[in-house]
Every structure is written in structure tokens, then in C-alpha cells.
Amino acid sequence: MKNFTIIKLSTCWSTDTLRADVEQLINQKSREGYEITTVSFGVNMWWMPTAFITICK
């Protein structure tokens, strides 16, 4: 049975900063043995760039 976890990252500054943070996080989690299931980008209710990353082990 797989355990799924959703990680949410947001930034007030720029989408480039968010993209770099997401890239760093998924590389770290991949090295730890997690499977990256999905990565999606959008905005939250305050129009801040937000990423949702689904991982499982």
C-alpha cells in the first residue's frame, strides 16, 4: 500500500523562485526514495504563486 503526501509551496515574490524551490524539493525527495507523482502550479486565494507536489513511498 502506498502512502501519498501532498506538499504545498507558495511564494510572494516570483514564479522563478517558486520553480527553483520546487525543483530543489523534488530532487531532495527523489534522493530520499520518494516517487514524485504530480507537480502542479497555480495561485492561492491571495493570488500568490503556489505549487502542489504529490509524493508517495
C-alpha atoms as a PDB file:
ATOM      1  CA  MET A   1       0.000   0.000   0.000  1.00  0.00           C
ATOM      2  CA  LYS A   2       1.362   3.410  -0.978  1.00  0.00           C
ATOM      3  CA  ASN A   3       1.210   6.398   1.336  1.00  0.00           C
ATOM      4  CA  PHE A   4       0.632   9.658  -0.534  1.00  0.00           C
ATOM      5  CA  THR A   5       1.635  13.080   0.784  1.00  0.00           C
ATOM      6  CA  ILE A   6       0.782  16.463  -0.724  1.00  0.00           C
ATOM      7  CA  ILE A   7       3.282  19.272  -0.168  1.00  0.00           C
ATOM      8  CA  LYS A   8       2.247  22.890  -0.785  1.00  0.00           C
ATOM      9  CA  LEU A   9       4.805  25.619  -1.528  1.00  0.00           C
ATOM     10  CA  SER A  10       3.969  29.308  -2.013  1.00  0.00           C
ATOM     11  CA  THR A  11       5.928  32.466  -2.637  1.00  0.00           C
ATOM     12  CA  CYS A  12       5.138  36.157  -2.598  1.00  0.00           C
ATOM     13  CA  TRP A  13       7.994  37.055  -4.907  1.00  0.00           C
ATOM     14  CA  SER A  14       8.240  35.370  -8.269  1.00  0.00           C
ATOM     15  CA  THR A  15       7.385  32.242 -10.166  1.00  0.00           C
ATOM     16  CA  ASP A  16      11.108  31.735 -10.874  1.00  0.00           C
ATOM     17  CA  THR A  17      11.771  31.495  -7.131  1.00  0.00           C
ATOM     18  CA  LEU A  18       8.892  29.054  -6.714  1.00  0.00           C
ATOM     19  CA  ARG A  19      10.100  26.923  -9.627  1.00  0.00           C
ATOM     20  CA  ALA A  20      13.616  26.739  -8.151  1.00  0.00           C
ATOM     21  CA  ASP A  21      12.220  25.796  -4.711  1.00  0.00           C
ATOM     22  CA  VAL A  22      10.051  23.065  -6.252  1.00  0.00           C
ATOM     23  CA  GLU A  23      12.959  21.706  -8.280  1.00  0.00           C
ATOM     24  CA  GLN A  24      15.149  21.553  -5.178  1.00  0.00           C
ATOM     25  CA  LEU A  25      12.414  19.838  -3.141  1.00  0.00           C
ATOM     26  CA  ILE A  26      11.600  17.163  -5.722  1.00  0.00           C
ATOM     27  CA  ASN A  27      15.297  16.384  -6.214  1.00  0.00           C
ATOM     28  CA  GLN A  28      15.704  16.010  -2.431  1.00  0.00           C
ATOM     29  CA  LYS A  29      12.621  13.809  -2.054  1.00  0.00           C
ATOM     30  CA  SER A  30      13.683  11.681  -5.022  1.00  0.00           C
ATOM     31  CA  ARG A  31      17.079  11.057  -3.393  1.00  0.00           C
ATOM     32  CA  GLU A  32      15.235  10.034  -0.206  1.00  0.00           C
ATOM     33  CA  GLY A  33      13.427   7.320  -2.156  1.00  0.00           C
ATOM     34  CA  TYR A  34      10.070   9.009  -2.770  1.00  0.00           C
ATOM     35  CA  GLU A  35       8.222   8.738  -6.061  1.00  0.00           C
ATOM     36  CA  ILE A  36       7.117  12.123  -7.425  1.00  0.00           C
ATOM     37  CA  THR A  37       3.543  11.530  -8.572  1.00  0.00           C
ATOM     38  CA  THR A  38       2.398  15.002  -9.668  1.00  0.00           C
ATOM     39  CA  VAL A  39       3.548  18.617  -9.658  1.00  0.00           C
ATOM     40  CA  SER A  40       1.039  21.364 -10.376  1.00  0.00           C
ATOM     41  CA  PHE A  41       1.250  25.140 -10.296  1.00  0.00           C
ATOM     42  CA  GLY A  42      -1.464  27.704  -9.698  1.00  0.00           C
ATOM     43  CA  VAL A  43      -2.363  30.582  -7.414  1.00  0.00           C
ATOM     44  CA  ASN A  44      -3.999  30.645  -3.987  1.00  0.00           C
ATOM     45  CA  MET A  45      -6.868  32.875  -2.903  1.00  0.00           C
ATOM     46  CA  TRP A  46      -4.461  35.827  -2.435  1.00  0.00           C
ATOM     47  CA  TRP A  47      -3.094  35.351  -5.974  1.00  0.00           C
ATOM     48  CA  MET A  48       0.265  34.079  -4.673  1.00  0.00           C
ATOM     49  CA  PRO A  49       2.042  31.577  -6.947  1.00  0.00           C
ATOM     50  CA  THR A  50       1.574  28.141  -5.389  1.00  0.00           C
ATOM     51  CA  ALA A  51       2.793  24.632  -6.183  1.00  0.00           C
ATOM     52  CA  PHE A  52       1.299  21.317  -5.090  1.00  0.00           C
ATOM     53  CA  ILE A  53       3.599  18.296  -5.150  1.00  0.00           C
ATOM     54  CA  THR A  54       2.259  14.778  -4.591  1.00  0.00           C
ATOM     55  CA  ILE A  55       4.787  12.183  -3.434  1.00  0.00           C
ATOM     56  CA  CYS A  56       4.495   8.571  -2.331  1.00  0.00           C
ATOM     57  CA  LYS A  57       6.711   5.882  -0.873  1.00  0.00           C
END
